[in-house]
Amino acid sequence: MGQLEFRLPVGSMRSGQTSAANTKKVGLAASQLGLYRDYPLTWKIENAHVSILKALEMGKEPRLLCSFGKDSTVMVDLLSHYGIRKVLFLYDADEAVDWDHIQTVVDKYKLDLIPLSKGRSLFYVIDDIPMLLSFPYINRSCMLPMPTNIDNWRGTGEFVCIDNQLRVPYGPVLEDDGDLMFLGQKITDLNVKLHLTVVDSFIQEDQEAFAEKIARQGDIFEIGPGLPGCSPLKFWSDNDVWNYIEEKELPWSRKVYKDRKRLPHTYPCCYRCHDPNGPVTVECPIMNRGVPNFCHFTKDVDLELEKLVRMGLITTKEKEGALNAV
């Protein structure tokens, strides 16, 4: 495929570039989780291709981190123009997974599916939203933290035991030579919102600066030591993604989505014995008896903030500022 050239609207900014005149506007938009929200989808598509082309100059073996959700489907379609077929797939037991849809996408784009080993995980709760952070190898030397929001088990039906997930050993090294990672992550995704929530809750005076930092980071960045990553959809909204899917008539899963909304996970998670808001002793549905709630004893503010630092959600400086504000 020949070199593509795209023209951006007059006065628009490419990823990672911010003029002095636009600094305040970009910071405000970022704090509202709405960067470039007023730009037309045609511009966002063109800018995504510009980002992809820039990123391809940084690696010879590109890969797509793919969940086969709506964002991943758009990424598969965008990258198909450049002959990128190898996708890394992380399967979580608690996720809603539509294997028929996955097979449809694999066949349509002739993908080479490379499964990732989930490996050890970390569980945490921010703003009453439970998250599971796994650490799979994505090539021979790099492990990438992958956050997944989970549904709380309500006491009936099948479930995934968070305690068992946390005891899983680290997975094996992935024997793959990928040296450039594409992601379908958007700034409006849940884990980014949670990051802003932490900053907003503890260090309100720094949120504008933090939002500005996200805006300036752009959509090409380092996701591991010497490993570049690219998120061409970073400044897209969910509606942009769905509009692209409809315009291009791309396949999407009716088992995972309904009316543009995500359906509950296939298997919700029981995290009673790791609930920071739970009592000292909880009833374990597997052993049918009371067990200690480990997180009840680690609710100390300093420990909770230190966990966020280790997850990369806040900096040590932000932690110190939060402790001073308590």
Foldseek 3Di string as FASTA:
>chain_A
DDDDDDDAPPPDDAFLDDDPVCLLVQLVCLLVLAHVVVPDLVRLLNSLLVLVVVLCVQWDAEEEAAAQALLRLVVLVSCLVVVHAEYEYEDDPFAADDVVSVVVSCVVSVHDYHYWDQFAWDWDAFPNWIKIWTWTAPEQDGTFTDIDTFAADPPDDAAAEVVVRNPGHGDDGHHDDHQEYEYSDECPDDLNVRLLVLCCVQPVVCSSVVSSVVRNCTQWDARGVNGIYGHSCHNPDLVSSVVVCVVVVTDHDPSQDDPSDGDHTPHGYHQQLADCPHDQWDQDPVVRDIDGNVNVVVNPLLSSVVVCCVVVSDPPVSSVSRVVVD
